[in-house]
Protein backbone atom coordinates (compact mmCIF):
# COMPACT_ATOMS: atom_id res chain seq x y z
CA MET A 1 204.87 152.00 102.28
CA GLN A 2 208.39 152.62 101.08
CA ARG A 3 211.37 152.59 103.41
CA GLU A 4 214.98 153.58 103.04
CA ALA A 5 217.61 150.88 103.03
CA SER A 6 220.24 151.37 105.66
CA PRO A 7 223.91 150.92 104.73
CA GLY A 8 225.06 147.34 104.91
CA GLU A 9 221.50 146.05 104.98
CA GLY A 10 221.98 143.78 102.03
CA ALA A 11 221.35 143.53 98.36
CA GLY A 12 219.11 146.03 96.64
CA ALA A 13 217.09 143.15 95.19
CA GLN A 14 216.20 142.01 98.70
CA VAL A 15 215.01 145.51 99.61
CA LEU A 16 212.92 145.64 96.42
CA ALA A 17 211.45 142.20 97.08
CA THR A 18 210.59 143.16 100.65
CA ASP A 19 209.18 146.62 99.89
CA TYR A 20 207.45 145.82 96.60
CA SER A 21 207.39 142.24 95.36
CA ALA A 22 209.59 139.46 94.08
CA ALA A 23 208.32 140.20 90.56
CA ALA A 24 209.43 143.83 90.82
CA ALA A 25 212.87 142.78 92.08
CA ALA A 26 213.18 140.26 89.23
CA ALA A 27 212.21 142.91 86.66
CA VAL A 28 214.83 145.34 88.01
CA MET A 29 217.53 142.65 88.04
CA ASN A 30 216.61 141.63 84.48
CA ARG A 31 216.89 145.23 83.26
CA LEU A 32 220.21 145.66 85.06
CA ALA A 33 221.54 142.46 83.50
CA LYS A 34 220.54 143.63 80.01
CA LEU A 35 222.08 147.06 80.59
CA SER A 36 225.31 145.50 81.86
CA ALA A 37 225.52 143.11 78.91
CA ARG A 38 224.97 145.95 76.46
CA PHE A 39 227.58 148.13 78.17
CA ILE A 40 230.16 145.36 78.15
CA GLY A 41 229.33 144.50 74.54
CA GLU A 42 229.77 148.06 73.33
CA ARG A 43 232.62 149.11 75.58
CA GLY A 44 234.50 145.83 75.65
CA PHE A 45 235.76 143.75 78.50
CA SER A 46 238.83 141.63 78.95
CA ILE A 47 240.33 139.63 81.72
CA GLY A 48 243.96 138.61 81.75
CA ILE A 49 245.98 135.92 83.47
CA ASP A 50 247.23 138.51 85.97
CA ASP A 51 243.64 139.09 87.08
CA VAL A 52 243.18 135.48 88.15
CA THR A 53 246.67 134.52 89.33
CA PRO A 54 246.84 134.27 93.13
CA ALA A 55 249.20 136.59 94.98
CA PRO A 56 252.56 135.13 96.06
CA VAL A 57 251.44 135.24 99.72
CA LEU A 58 248.42 133.07 98.90
CA GLN A 59 250.53 130.64 96.87
CA ARG A 60 253.01 130.24 99.75
CA ARG A 61 250.19 129.70 102.25
CA LYS A 62 248.62 127.07 99.99
CA GLN A 63 251.94 125.22 99.76
CA GLN A 64 252.30 125.34 103.57
CA ILE A 65 248.83 123.86 104.05
CA ILE A 66 249.50 121.11 101.49
CA ALA A 67 252.86 120.26 103.09
CA GLN A 68 251.32 120.13 106.57
CA SER A 69 248.48 117.91 105.34
CA TYR A 70 250.86 115.49 103.62
CA ALA A 71 253.02 115.34 106.75
CA LEU A 72 249.95 114.54 108.86
CA CYS A 73 248.87 111.82 106.43
CA GLU A 74 252.35 110.31 106.40
CA ALA A 75 252.53 110.37 110.20
CA ARG A 76 249.17 108.65 110.50
CA ALA A 77 249.97 106.13 107.77
CA TRP A 78 253.21 105.03 109.43
CA ALA A 79 251.94 105.19 113.03
CA PRO A 80 251.88 101.90 114.95
CA GLY A 81 248.68 100.01 114.22
CA ALA A 82 247.71 102.15 111.22
CA ALA A 83 247.69 99.21 108.80
CA GLN A 84 245.44 97.16 111.06
CA ARG A 85 243.03 100.09 111.48
CA LEU A 86 242.87 100.61 107.71
CA LEU A 87 242.33 96.91 107.06
CA SER A 88 239.55 96.71 109.65
CA LEU A 89 238.01 99.85 108.20
CA ASP A 90 238.04 98.31 104.70
CA ILE A 91 236.35 95.20 106.04
CA ILE A 92 233.71 97.22 107.88
CA CYS A 93 233.00 99.47 104.88
CA ALA A 94 232.85 96.52 102.49
CA SER A 95 230.21 94.89 104.65
CA PRO A 96 226.69 95.13 103.17
CA THR A 97 225.37 96.18 106.60
CA ALA A 98 227.94 98.94 107.14
CA SER A 99 226.51 102.32 108.02
CA SER A 100 227.99 105.44 106.50
CA ALA A 101 229.05 106.59 109.99
CA HIS A 102 231.57 103.74 110.20
CA CYS A 103 233.08 104.58 106.83
CA THR A 104 233.36 108.35 107.27
CA ASN A 105 234.88 108.49 110.76
CA ILE A 106 238.41 107.54 109.83
CA PRO A 107 240.69 107.48 112.89
């Protein structure tokens, strides 16, 4: 029995796989891939640097996140007792009996 896909339900391949079979969905996707490749081959396709360059807003936000992360690392590195914690962590992680929980939970 065939049903209609409601908007936002998901990919057409999922509907095909559910209503018919995974083989039918694979066949449709294969045909679509071949059609797309042929179209692009005959019509042409290009992508330029402007298509992949992040917007200025995104670049500024990235720089803010990086600056905040470096500041946090610097604050933790120079905090009282930081050197002792790092040294004890190195000793614990170098131990042959150290569990991964000790080495991943950095204070």
